[in-house]
PDB file of all heavy atoms in Angstrom:
ATOM      1  N   SER A   1      37.547 -43.324 -28.683  1.00  0.00           N
ATOM      2  CA  SER A   1      37.361 -43.695 -30.076  1.00  0.00           C
ATOM      3  C   SER A   1      38.635 -44.210 -30.732  1.00  0.00           C
ATOM      4  O   SER A   1      38.621 -44.569 -31.905  1.00  0.00           O
ATOM      5  CB  SER A   1      36.808 -42.512 -30.876  1.00  0.00           C
ATOM      6  OG  SER A   1      37.701 -41.422 -30.851  1.00  0.00           O
ATOM      7  N   GLY A   2      39.722 -44.227 -29.985  1.00  0.00           N
ATOM      8  CA  GLY A   2      40.958 -44.780 -30.493  1.00  0.00           C
ATOM      9  C   GLY A   2      41.978 -43.788 -30.995  1.00  0.00           C
ATOM     10  O   GLY A   2      43.069 -44.183 -31.428  1.00  0.00           O
ATOM     11  N   GLY A   3      41.651 -42.511 -30.971  1.00  0.00           N
ATOM     12  CA  GLY A   3      42.606 -41.514 -31.394  1.00  0.00           C
ATOM     13  C   GLY A   3      43.761 -41.415 -30.417  1.00  0.00           C
ATOM     14  O   GLY A   3      43.580 -41.556 -29.206  1.00  0.00           O
ATOM     15  N   THR A   4      44.944 -41.174 -30.923  1.00  0.00           N
ATOM     16  CA  THR A   4      46.132 -41.128 -30.077  1.00  0.00           C
ATOM     17  C   THR A   4      46.893 -39.834 -30.267  1.00  0.00           C
ATOM     18  O   THR A   4      46.799 -39.171 -31.297  1.00  0.00           O
ATOM     19  CB  THR A   4      47.073 -42.304 -30.362  1.00  0.00           C
ATOM     20  OG1 THR A   4      47.462 -42.280 -31.742  1.00  0.00           O
ATOM     21  CG2 THR A   4      46.389 -43.625 -30.057  1.00  0.00           C
ATOM     22  N   ASN A   5      47.660 -39.500 -29.252  1.00  0.00           N
ATOM     23  CA  ASN A   5      48.513 -38.326 -29.277  1.00  0.00           C
ATOM     24  C   ASN A   5      49.785 -38.659 -28.535  1.00  0.00           C
ATOM     25  O   ASN A   5      49.739 -39.291 -27.481  1.00  0.00           O
ATOM     26  CB  ASN A   5      47.802 -37.128 -28.641  1.00  0.00           C
ATOM     27  CG  ASN A   5      48.658 -35.883 -28.610  1.00  0.00           C
ATOM     28  OD1 ASN A   5      49.251 -35.546 -27.582  1.00  0.00           O
ATOM     29  ND2 ASN A   5      48.732 -35.193 -29.731  1.00  0.00           N
ATOM     30  N   TYR A   6      50.917 -38.227 -29.074  1.00  0.00           N
ATOM     31  CA  TYR A   6      52.214 -38.519 -28.478  1.00  0.00           C
ATOM     32  C   TYR A   6      53.049 -37.266 -28.334  1.00  0.00           C
ATOM     33  O   TYR A   6      52.974 -36.347 -29.150  1.00  0.00           O
ATOM     34  CB  TYR A   6      53.003 -39.510 -29.342  1.00  0.00           C
ATOM     35  CG  TYR A   6      52.373 -40.866 -29.491  1.00  0.00           C
ATOM     36  CD1 TYR A   6      51.510 -41.134 -30.545  1.00  0.00           C
ATOM     37  CD2 TYR A   6      52.649 -41.878 -28.581  1.00  0.00           C
ATOM     38  CE1 TYR A   6      50.927 -42.379 -30.692  1.00  0.00           C
ATOM     39  CE2 TYR A   6      52.075 -43.128 -28.721  1.00  0.00           C
ATOM     40  CZ  TYR A   6      51.218 -43.371 -29.774  1.00  0.00           C
ATOM     41  OH  TYR A   6      50.648 -44.613 -29.911  1.00  0.00           O
ATOM     42  N   ALA A   7      53.861 -37.254 -27.295  1.00  0.00           N
ATOM     43  CA  ALA A   7      54.872 -36.219 -27.187  1.00  0.00           C
ATOM     44  C   ALA A   7      55.880 -36.390 -28.316  1.00  0.00           C
ATOM     45  O   ALA A   7      56.173 -37.513 -28.745  1.00  0.00           O
ATOM     46  CB  ALA A   7      55.582 -36.308 -25.836  1.00  0.00           C
ATOM     47  N   ASP A   8      56.405 -35.276 -28.798  1.00  0.00           N
ATOM     48  CA  ASP A   8      57.362 -35.344 -29.896  1.00  0.00           C
ATOM     49  C   ASP A   8      58.564 -36.223 -29.558  1.00  0.00           C
ATOM     50  O   ASP A   8      59.116 -36.899 -30.430  1.00  0.00           O
ATOM     51  CB  ASP A   8      57.844 -33.944 -30.267  1.00  0.00           C
ATOM     52  CG  ASP A   8      56.787 -33.118 -30.962  1.00  0.00           C
ATOM     53  OD1 ASP A   8      55.814 -33.700 -31.483  1.00  0.00           O
ATOM     54  OD2 ASP A   8      56.933 -31.882 -31.000  1.00  0.00           O
ATOM     55  N   SER A   9      58.954 -36.224 -28.306  1.00  0.00           N
ATOM     56  CA  SER A   9      60.144 -36.953 -27.895  1.00  0.00           C
ATOM     57  C   SER A   9      59.998 -38.466 -27.970  1.00  0.00           C
ATOM     58  O   SER A   9      61.001 -39.186 -27.944  1.00  0.00           O
ATOM     59  CB  SER A   9      60.548 -36.552 -26.477  1.00  0.00           C
ATOM     60  OG  SER A   9      59.512 -36.840 -25.559  1.00  0.00           O
ATOM     61  N   VAL A  10      58.759 -38.962 -28.058  1.00  0.00           N
ATOM     62  CA  VAL A  10      58.552 -40.407 -28.070  1.00  0.00           C
ATOM     63  C   VAL A  10      57.910 -40.905 -29.349  1.00  0.00           C
ATOM     64  O   VAL A  10      57.738 -42.121 -29.510  1.00  0.00           O
ATOM     65  CB  VAL A  10      57.710 -40.869 -26.862  1.00  0.00           C
ATOM     66  CG1 VAL A  10      58.323 -40.369 -25.562  1.00  0.00           C
ATOM     67  CG2 VAL A  10      56.265 -40.400 -26.992  1.00  0.00           C
ATOM     68  N   LYS A  11      57.558 -40.013 -30.250  1.00  0.00           N
ATOM     69  CA  LYS A  11      56.929 -40.426 -31.500  1.00  0.00           C
ATOM     70  C   LYS A  11      57.825 -41.390 -32.264  1.00  0.00           C
ATOM     71  O   LYS A  11      59.031 -41.168 -32.394  1.00  0.00           O
ATOM     72  CB  LYS A  11      56.617 -39.205 -32.371  1.00  0.00           C
ATOM     73  CG  LYS A  11      55.456 -38.372 -31.880  1.00  0.00           C
ATOM     74  CD  LYS A  11      55.193 -37.190 -32.798  1.00  0.00           C
ATOM     75  CE  LYS A  11      54.008 -36.374 -32.320  1.00  0.00           C
ATOM     76  NZ  LYS A  11      53.772 -35.181 -33.174  1.00  0.00           N
ATOM     77  N   GLY A  12      57.222 -42.447 -32.755  1.00  0.00           N
ATOM     78  CA  GLY A  12      57.958 -43.449 -33.496  1.00  0.00           C
ATOM     79  C   GLY A  12      58.600 -44.504 -32.633  1.00  0.00           C
ATOM     80  O   GLY A  12      59.080 -45.518 -33.153  1.00  0.00           O
ATOM     81  N   ARG A  13      58.625 -44.286 -31.324  1.00  0.00           N
ATOM     82  CA  ARG A  13      59.239 -45.243 -30.409  1.00  0.00           C
ATOM     83  C   ARG A  13      58.231 -45.869 -29.452  1.00  0.00           C
ATOM     84  O   ARG A  13      58.350 -47.044 -29.112  1.00  0.00           O
ATOM     85  CB  ARG A  13      60.350 -44.573 -29.599  1.00  0.00           C
ATOM     86  CG  ARG A  13      61.477 -44.002 -30.447  1.00  0.00           C
ATOM     87  CD  ARG A  13      62.642 -43.542 -29.583  1.00  0.00           C
ATOM     88  NE  ARG A  13      62.257 -42.462 -28.680  1.00  0.00           N
ATOM     89  CZ  ARG A  13      62.314 -42.547 -27.341  1.00  0.00           C
ATOM     90  NH1 ARG A  13      62.730 -43.671 -26.762  1.00  0.00           N
ATOM     91  NH2 ARG A  13      61.962 -41.513 -26.593  1.00  0.00           N
ATOM     92  N   PHE A  14      57.262 -45.079 -29.007  1.00  0.00           N
ATOM     93  CA  PHE A  14      56.265 -45.554 -28.047  1.00  0.00           C
ATOM     94  C   PHE A  14      54.920 -45.738 -28.736  1.00  0.00           C
ATOM     95  O   PHE A  14      54.580 -44.987 -29.662  1.00  0.00           O
ATOM     96  CB  PHE A  14      56.081 -44.555 -26.905  1.00  0.00           C
ATOM     97  CG  PHE A  14      57.264 -44.421 -25.979  1.00  0.00           C
ATOM     98  CD1 PHE A  14      58.488 -45.000 -26.258  1.00  0.00           C
ATOM     99  CD2 PHE A  14      57.127 -43.691 -24.805  1.00  0.00           C
ATOM    100  CE1 PHE A  14      59.568 -44.868 -25.403  1.00  0.00           C
ATOM    101  CE2 PHE A  14      58.202 -43.545 -23.940  1.00  0.00           C
ATOM    102  CZ  PHE A  14      59.417 -44.132 -24.233  1.00  0.00           C
ATOM    103  N   THR A  15      54.160 -46.698 -28.263  1.00  0.00           N
ATOM    104  CA  THR A  15      52.821 -46.949 -28.773  1.00  0.00           C
ATOM    105  C   THR A  15      51.856 -47.134 -27.612  1.00  0.00           C
ATOM    106  O   THR A  15      52.092 -47.969 -26.738  1.00  0.00           O
ATOM    107  CB  THR A  15      52.781 -48.192 -29.668  1.00  0.00           C
ATOM    108  OG1 THR A  15      53.692 -48.039 -30.762  1.00  0.00           O
ATOM    109  CG2 THR A  15      51.373 -48.396 -30.227  1.00  0.00           C
ATOM    110  N   ILE A  16      50.789 -46.359 -27.609  1.00  0.00           N
ATOM    111  CA  ILE A  16      49.766 -46.490 -26.585  1.00  0.00           C
ATOM    112  C   ILE A  16      48.588 -47.261 -27.166  1.00  0.00           C
ATOM    113  O   ILE A  16      48.252 -47.109 -28.344  1.00  0.00           O
ATOM    114  CB  ILE A  16      49.316 -45.112 -26.051  1.00  0.00           C
ATOM    115  CG1 ILE A  16      48.420 -45.271 -24.823  1.00  0.00           C
ATOM    116  CG2 ILE A  16      48.626 -44.295 -27.133  1.00  0.00           C
ATOM    117  CD1 ILE A  16      48.143 -43.962 -24.095  1.00  0.00           C
ATOM    118  N   SER A  17      47.970 -48.093 -26.360  1.00  0.00           N
ATOM    119  CA  SER A  17      46.841 -48.881 -26.822  1.00  0.00           C
ATOM    120  C   SER A  17      45.903 -49.176 -25.664  1.00  0.00           C
ATOM    121  O   SER A  17      46.287 -49.100 -24.498  1.00  0.00           O
ATOM    122  CB  SER A  17      47.307 -50.190 -27.474  1.00  0.00           C
ATOM    123  OG  SER A  17      48.018 -50.991 -26.547  1.00  0.00           O
ATOM    124  N   ARG A  18      44.661 -49.501 -26.009  1.00  0.00           N
ATOM    125  CA  ARG A  18      43.659 -49.881 -25.030  1.00  0.00           C
ATOM    126  C   ARG A  18      43.488 -51.385 -25.036  1.00  0.00           C
ATOM    127  O   ARG A  18      43.585 -52.037 -26.071  1.00  0.00           O
ATOM    128  CB  ARG A  18      42.316 -49.211 -25.331  1.00  0.00           C
ATOM    129  CG  ARG A  18      42.328 -47.688 -25.230  1.00  0.00           C
ATOM    130  CD  ARG A  18      42.254 -47.241 -23.774  1.00  0.00           C
ATOM    131  NE  ARG A  18      40.998 -47.619 -23.146  1.00  0.00           N
ATOM    132  CZ  ARG A  18      39.860 -46.928 -23.233  1.00  0.00           C
ATOM    133  NH1 ARG A  18      39.834 -45.791 -23.935  1.00  0.00           N
ATOM    134  NH2 ARG A  18      38.772 -47.352 -22.625  1.00  0.00           N
ATOM    135  N   GLY A  19      43.208 -51.934 -23.859  1.00  0.00           N
ATOM    136  CA  GLY A  19      42.937 -53.347 -23.754  1.00  0.00           C
ATOM    137  C   GLY A  19      41.544 -53.683 -24.249  1.00  0.00           C
ATOM    138  O   GLY A  19      40.699 -52.801 -24.436  1.00  0.00           O
ATOM    139  N   ASN A  20      41.297 -54.974 -24.447  1.00  0.00           N
ATOM    140  CA  ASN A  20      39.987 -55.404 -24.938  1.00  0.00           C
ATOM    141  C   ASN A  20      38.863 -55.030 -23.987  1.00  0.00           C
ATOM    142  O   ASN A  20      37.750 -54.734 -24.423  1.00  0.00           O
ATOM    143  CB  ASN A  20      39.988 -56.913 -25.167  1.00  0.00           C
ATOM    144  CG  ASN A  20      40.863 -57.329 -26.322  1.00  0.00           C
ATOM    145  OD1 ASN A  20      41.116 -56.551 -27.238  1.00  0.00           O
ATOM    146  ND2 ASN A  20      41.323 -58.569 -26.296  1.00  0.00           N
ATOM    147  N   ALA A  21      39.144 -55.031 -22.701  1.00  0.00           N
ATOM    148  CA  ALA A  21      38.139 -54.685 -21.708  1.00  0.00           C
ATOM    149  C   ALA A  21      37.882 -53.188 -21.620  1.00  0.00           C
ATOM    150  O   ALA A  21      36.953 -52.762 -20.959  1.00  0.00           O
ATOM    151  CB  ALA A  21      38.552 -55.220 -20.335  1.00  0.00           C
ATOM    152  N   LYS A  22      38.713 -52.393 -22.258  1.00  0.00           N
ATOM    153  CA  LYS A  22      38.595 -50.932 -22.325  1.00  0.00           C
ATOM    154  C   LYS A  22      38.798 -50.245 -20.984  1.00  0.00           C
ATOM    155  O   LYS A  22      38.595 -49.040 -20.885  1.00  0.00           O
ATOM    156  CB  LYS A  22      37.243 -50.520 -22.932  1.00  0.00           C
ATOM    157  CG  LYS A  22      36.962 -51.109 -24.304  1.00  0.00           C
ATOM    158  CD  LYS A  22      38.027 -50.715 -25.302  1.00  0.00           C
ATOM    159  CE  LYS A  22      37.738 -51.284 -26.679  1.00  0.00           C
ATOM    160  NZ  LYS A  22      38.810 -50.981 -27.647  1.00  0.00           N
ATOM    161  N   ASN A  23      39.177 -50.998 -19.987  1.00  0.00           N
ATOM    162  CA  ASN A  23      39.542 -50.394 -18.709  1.00  0.00           C
ATOM    163  C   ASN A  23      41.036 -50.531 -18.442  1.00  0.00           C
ATOM    164  O   ASN A  23      41.485 -50.343 -17.315  1.00  0.00           O
ATOM    165  CB  ASN A  23      38.734 -51.006 -17.568  1.00  0.00           C
ATOM    166  CG  ASN A  23      39.059 -52.472 -17.341  1.00  0.00           C
ATOM    167  OD1 ASN A  23      39.546 -53.154 -18.237  1.00  0.00           O
ATOM    168  ND2 ASN A  23      38.800 -52.944 -16.133  1.00  0.00           N
ATOM    169  N   THR A  24      41.767 -50.867 -19.479  1.00  0.00           N
ATOM    170  CA  THR A  24      43.206 -50.992 -19.375  1.00  0.00           C
ATOM    171  C   THR A  24      43.865 -50.197 -20.492  1.00  0.00           C
ATOM    172  O   THR A  24      43.280 -49.995 -21.557  1.00  0.00           O
ATOM    173  CB  THR A  24      43.667 -52.459 -19.465  1.00  0.00           C
ATOM    174  OG1 THR A  24      43.185 -53.043 -20.677  1.00  0.00           O
ATOM    175  CG2 THR A  24      43.146 -53.255 -18.279  1.00  0.00           C
ATOM    176  N   VAL A  25      45.055 -49.750 -20.230  1.00  0.00           N
ATOM    177  CA  VAL A  25      45.825 -49.036 -21.227  1.00  0.00           C
ATOM    178  C   VAL A  25      47.266 -49.498 -21.119  1.00  0.00           C
ATOM    179  O   VAL A  25      47.760 -49.778 -20.019  1.00  0.00           O
ATOM    180  CB  VAL A  25      45.709 -47.503 -21.053  1.00  0.00           C
ATOM    181  CG1 VAL A  25      46.277 -47.051 -19.707  1.00  0.00           C
ATOM    182  CG2 VAL A  25      46.381 -46.770 -22.199  1.00  0.00           C
ATOM    183  N   TYR A  26      47.932 -49.589 -22.261  1.00  0.00           N
ATOM    184  CA  TYR A  26      49.296 -50.060 -22.323  1.00  0.00           C
ATOM    185  C   TYR A  26      50.181 -49.024 -22.990  1.00  0.00           C
ATOM    186  O   TYR A  26      49.736 -48.226 -23.809  1.00  0.00           O
ATOM    187  CB  TYR A  26      49.380 -51.374 -23.105  1.00  0.00           C
ATOM    188  CG  TYR A  26      48.483 -52.458 -22.568  1.00  0.00           C
ATOM    189  CD1 TYR A  26      47.220 -52.667 -23.110  1.00  0.00           C
ATOM    190  CD2 TYR A  26      48.892 -53.263 -21.511  1.00  0.00           C
ATOM    191  CE1 TYR A  26      46.385 -53.655 -22.626  1.00  0.00           C
ATOM    192  CE2 TYR A  26      48.068 -54.251 -21.016  1.00  0.00           C
ATOM    193  CZ  TYR A  26      46.816 -54.443 -21.577  1.00  0.00           C
ATOM    194  OH  TYR A  26      45.996 -55.430 -21.083  1.00  0.00           O
ATOM    195  N   LEU A  27      51.422 -49.059 -22.633  1.00  0.00           N
ATOM    196  CA  LEU A  27      52.416 -48.225 -23.293  1.00  0.00           C
ATOM    197  C   LEU A  27      53.596 -49.112 -23.655  1.00  0.00           C
ATOM    198  O   LEU A  27      54.357 -49.525 -22.777  1.00  0.00           O
ATOM    199  CB  LEU A  27      52.866 -47.072 -22.404  1.00  0.00           C
ATOM    200  CG  LEU A  27      53.818 -46.072 -23.061  1.00  0.00           C
ATOM    201  CD1 LEU A  27      53.091 -45.270 -24.149  1.00  0.00           C
ATOM    202  CD2 LEU A  27      54.415 -45.121 -22.022  1.00  0.00           C
ATOM    203  N   GLN A  28      53.711 -49.411 -24.936  1.00  0.00           N
ATOM    204  CA  GLN A  28      54.845 -50.171 -25.429  1.00  0.00           C
ATOM    205  C   GLN A  28      55.965 -49.194 -25.732  1.00  0.00           C
ATOM    206  O   GLN A  28      55.807 -48.304 -26.565  1.00  0.00           O
ATOM    207  CB  GLN A  28      54.467 -50.956 -26.686  1.00  0.00           C
ATOM    208  CG  GLN A  28      55.608 -51.762 -27.287  1.00  0.00           C
ATOM    209  CD  GLN A  28      56.075 -52.878 -26.389  1.00  0.00           C
ATOM    210  OE1 GLN A  28      55.258 -53.615 -25.847  1.00  0.00           O
ATOM    211  NE2 GLN A  28      57.378 -53.000 -26.214  1.00  0.00           N
ATOM    212  N   MET A  29      57.082 -49.358 -25.061  1.00  0.00           N
ATOM    213  CA  MET A  29      58.208 -48.450 -25.197  1.00  0.00           C
ATOM    214  C   MET A  29      59.369 -49.191 -25.838  1.00  0.00           C
ATOM    215  O   MET A  29      59.931 -50.113 -25.244  1.00  0.00           O
ATOM    216  CB  MET A  29      58.619 -47.883 -23.839  1.00  0.00           C
ATOM    217  CG  MET A  29      57.483 -47.185 -23.100  1.00  0.00           C
ATOM    218  SD  MET A  29      58.033 -46.410 -21.549  1.00  0.00           S
ATOM    219  CE  MET A  29      58.468 -47.874 -20.610  1.00  0.00           C
ATOM    220  N   ASN A  30      59.712 -48.792 -27.041  1.00  0.00           N
ATOM    221  CA  ASN A  30      60.817 -49.382 -27.773  1.00  0.00           C
ATOM    222  C   ASN A  30      61.919 -48.354 -27.966  1.00  0.00           C
ATOM    223  O   ASN A  30      61.710 -47.155 -27.811  1.00  0.00           O
ATOM    224  CB  ASN A  30      60.347 -49.902 -29.133  1.00  0.00           C
ATOM    225  CG  ASN A  30      59.326 -51.002 -29.031  1.00  0.00           C
ATOM    226  OD1 ASN A  30      59.359 -51.813 -28.112  1.00  0.00           O
ATOM    227  ND2 ASN A  30      58.408 -51.044 -30.002  1.00  0.00           N
ATOM    228  N   SER A  31      63.089 -48.842 -28.328  1.00  0.00           N
ATOM    229  CA  SER A  31      64.240 -47.968 -28.567  1.00  0.00           C
ATOM    230  C   SER A  31      64.440 -46.992 -27.418  1.00  0.00           C
ATOM    231  O   SER A  31      64.610 -45.786 -27.615  1.00  0.00           O
ATOM    232  CB  SER A  31      64.059 -47.215 -29.888  1.00  0.00           C
ATOM    233  OG  SER A  31      63.918 -48.110 -30.975  1.00  0.00           O
ATOM    234  N   LEU A  32      64.417 -47.518 -26.225  1.00  0.00           N
ATOM    235  CA  LEU A  32      64.514 -46.681 -25.038  1.00  0.00           C
ATOM    236  C   LEU A  32      65.833 -45.929 -24.974  1.00  0.00           C
ATOM    237  O   LEU A  32      66.881 -46.429 -25.395  1.00  0.00           O
ATOM    238  CB  LEU A  32      64.341 -47.527 -23.784  1.00  0.00           C
ATOM    239  CG  LEU A  32      62.904 -47.962 -23.485  1.00  0.00           C
ATOM    240  CD1 LEU A  32      62.888 -49.086 -22.466  1.00  0.00           C
ATOM    241  CD2 LEU A  32      62.095 -46.769 -22.975  1.00  0.00           C
ATOM    242  N   LYS A  33      65.750 -44.730 -24.439  1.00  0.00           N
ATOM    243  CA  LYS A  33      66.904 -43.865 -24.255  1.00  0.00           C
ATOM    244  C   LYS A  33      67.042 -43.519 -22.780  1.00  0.00           C
ATOM    245  O   LYS A  33      66.060 -43.533 -22.042  1.00  0.00           O
ATOM    246  CB  LYS A  33      66.735 -42.568 -25.053  1.00  0.00           C
ATOM    247  CG  LYS A  33      66.494 -42.748 -26.539  1.00  0.00           C
ATOM    248  CD  LYS A  33      66.224 -41.402 -27.198  1.00  0.00           C
ATOM    249  CE  LYS A  33      65.976 -41.552 -28.679  1.00  0.00           C
ATOM    250  NZ  LYS A  33      65.688 -40.239 -29.324  1.00  0.00           N
ATOM    251  N   PRO A  34      68.247 -43.185 -22.338  1.00  0.00           N
ATOM    252  CA  PRO A  34      68.399 -42.760 -20.941  1.00  0.00           C
ATOM    253  C   PRO A  34      67.477 -41.598 -20.576  1.00  0.00           C
ATOM    254  O   PRO A  34      67.035 -41.506 -19.428  1.00  0.00           O
ATOM    255  CB  PRO A  34      69.874 -42.349 -20.865  1.00  0.00           C
ATOM    256  CG  PRO A  34      70.540 -43.231 -21.868  1.00  0.00           C
ATOM    257  CD  PRO A  34      69.545 -43.338 -23.009  1.00  0.00           C
ATOM    258  N   ALA A  35      67.168 -40.729 -21.534  1.00  0.00           N
ATOM    259  CA  ALA A  35      66.280 -39.601 -21.277  1.00  0.00           C
ATOM    260  C   ALA A  35      64.851 -40.032 -20.964  1.00  0.00           C
ATOM    261  O   ALA A  35      64.054 -39.219 -20.494  1.00  0.00           O
ATOM    262  CB  ALA A  35      66.287 -38.651 -22.474  1.00  0.00           C
ATOM    263  N   ASP A  36      64.525 -41.286 -21.232  1.00  0.00           N
ATOM    264  CA  ASP A  36      63.200 -41.798 -20.899  1.00  0.00           C
ATOM    265  C   ASP A  36      63.077 -42.157 -19.426  1.00  0.00           C
ATOM    266  O   ASP A  36      61.980 -42.483 -18.962  1.00  0.00           O
ATOM    267  CB  ASP A  36      62.873 -43.032 -21.744  1.00  0.00           C
ATOM    268  CG  ASP A  36      62.781 -42.719 -23.225  1.00  0.00           C
ATOM    269  OD1 ASP A  36      62.224 -41.663 -23.577  1.00  0.00           O
ATOM    270  OD2 ASP A  36      63.268 -43.545 -24.029  1.00  0.00           O
ATOM    271  N   THR A  37      64.166 -42.129 -18.704  1.00  0.00           N
ATOM    272  CA  THR A  37      64.149 -42.456 -17.287  1.00  0.00           C
ATOM    273  C   THR A  37      63.250 -41.487 -16.535  1.00  0.00           C
ATOM    274  O   THR A  37      63.438 -40.272 -16.588  1.00  0.00           O
ATOM    275  CB  THR A  37      65.564 -42.413 -16.708  1.00  0.00           C
ATOM    276  OG1 THR A  37      66.366 -43.423 -17.324  1.00  0.00           O
ATOM    277  CG2 THR A  37      65.542 -42.649 -15.200  1.00  0.00           C
ATOM    278  N   ALA A  38      62.262 -42.025 -15.839  1.00  0.00           N
ATOM    279  CA  ALA A  38      61.292 -41.215 -15.115  1.00  0.00           C
ATOM    280  C   ALA A  38      60.328 -42.134 -14.388  1.00  0.00           C
ATOM    281  O   ALA A  38      60.334 -43.351 -14.589  1.00  0.00           O
ATOM    282  CB  ALA A  38      60.518 -40.311 -16.079  1.00  0.00           C
ATOM    283  N   VAL A  39      59.497 -41.535 -13.561  1.00  0.00           N
ATOM    284  CA  VAL A  39      58.353 -42.236 -13.018  1.00  0.00           C
ATOM    285  C   VAL A  39      57.195 -42.006 -13.974  1.00  0.00           C
ATOM    286  O   VAL A  39      56.892 -40.864 -14.325  1.00  0.00           O
ATOM    287  CB  VAL A  39      57.981 -41.747 -11.602  1.00  0.00           C
ATOM    288  CG1 VAL A  39      56.728 -42.463 -11.100  1.00  0.00           C
ATOM    289  CG2 VAL A  39      59.143 -41.980 -10.643  1.00  0.00           C
ATOM    290  N   TYR A  40      56.578 -43.079 -14.401  1.00  0.00           N
ATOM    291  CA  TYR A  40      55.478 -43.006 -15.349  1.00  0.00           C
ATOM    292  C   TYR A  40      54.152 -43.179 -14.619  1.00  0.00           C
ATOM    293  O   TYR A  40      53.976 -44.114 -13.836  1.00  0.00           O
ATOM    294  CB  TYR A  40      55.634 -44.079 -16.429  1.00  0.00           C
ATOM    295  CG  TYR A  40      56.701 -43.744 -17.441  1.00  0.00           C
ATOM    296  CD1 TYR A  40      58.045 -43.741 -17.076  1.00  0.00           C
ATOM    297  CD2 TYR A  40      56.370 -43.405 -18.750  1.00  0.00           C
ATOM    298  CE1 TYR A  40      59.027 -43.409 -17.986  1.00  0.00           C
ATOM    299  CE2 TYR A  40      57.347 -43.073 -19.672  1.00  0.00           C
ATOM    300  CZ  TYR A  40      58.675 -43.078 -19.280  1.00  0.00           C
ATOM    301  OH  TYR A  40      59.651 -42.749 -20.199  1.00  0.00           O
ATOM    302  N   TYR A  41      53.221 -42.270 -14.894  1.00  0.00           N
ATOM    303  CA  TYR A  41      51.932 -42.260 -14.227  1.00  0.00           C
ATOM    304  C   TYR A  41      50.801 -42.490 -15.218  1.00  0.00           C
ATOM    305  O   TYR A  41      50.755 -41.858 -16.271  1.00  0.00           O
ATOM    306  CB  TYR A  41      51.684 -40.916 -13.535  1.00  0.00           C
ATOM    307  CG  TYR A  41      52.668 -40.583 -12.444  1.00  0.00           C
ATOM    308  CD1 TYR A  41      53.829 -39.879 -12.730  1.00  0.00           C
ATOM    309  CD2 TYR A  41      52.422 -40.966 -11.133  1.00  0.00           C
ATOM    310  CE1 TYR A  41      54.732 -39.564 -11.730  1.00  0.00           C
ATOM    311  CE2 TYR A  41      53.322 -40.654 -10.129  1.00  0.00           C
ATOM    312  CZ  TYR A  41      54.469 -39.952 -10.435  1.00  0.00           C
ATOM    313  OH  TYR A  41      55.358 -39.638  -9.434  1.00  0.00           O
ATOM    314  N   CYS A  42      49.899 -43.353 -14.856  1.00  0.00           N
ATOM    315  CA  CYS A  42      48.692 -43.566 -15.632  1.00  0.00           C
ATOM    316  C   CYS A  42      47.668 -42.496 -15.274  1.00  0.00           C
ATOM    317  O   CYS A  42      47.545 -42.109 -14.111  1.00  0.00           O
ATOM    318  CB  CYS A  42      48.133 -44.958 -15.344  1.00  0.00           C
ATOM    319  SG  CYS A  42      46.680 -45.406 -16.315  1.00  0.00           S
ATOM    320  N   ASN A  43      46.945 -42.028 -16.267  1.00  0.00           N
ATOM    321  CA  ASN A  43      45.949 -40.976 -16.081  1.00  0.00           C
ATOM    322  C   ASN A  43      44.653 -41.357 -16.775  1.00  0.00           C
ATOM    323  O   ASN A  43      44.665 -41.933 -17.863  1.00  0.00           O
ATOM    324  CB  ASN A  43      46.480 -39.652 -16.640  1.00  0.00           C
ATOM    325  CG  ASN A  43      45.421 -38.571 -16.710  1.00  0.00           C
ATOM    326  OD1 ASN A  43      44.779 -38.379 -17.741  1.00  0.00           O
ATOM    327  ND2 ASN A  43      45.236 -37.866 -15.600  1.00  0.00           N
TER     328      ASN A  43
END
């Protein structure tokens, strides 16, 4: 339904969204920090 939830550490910097086909998801990551370094997994 479009509701979103973010970890406190990324609020205000990252934005999650769904694609038009609804089988895709995006994560726009801005103002990146070294602490963001990780392997990112889609779920």
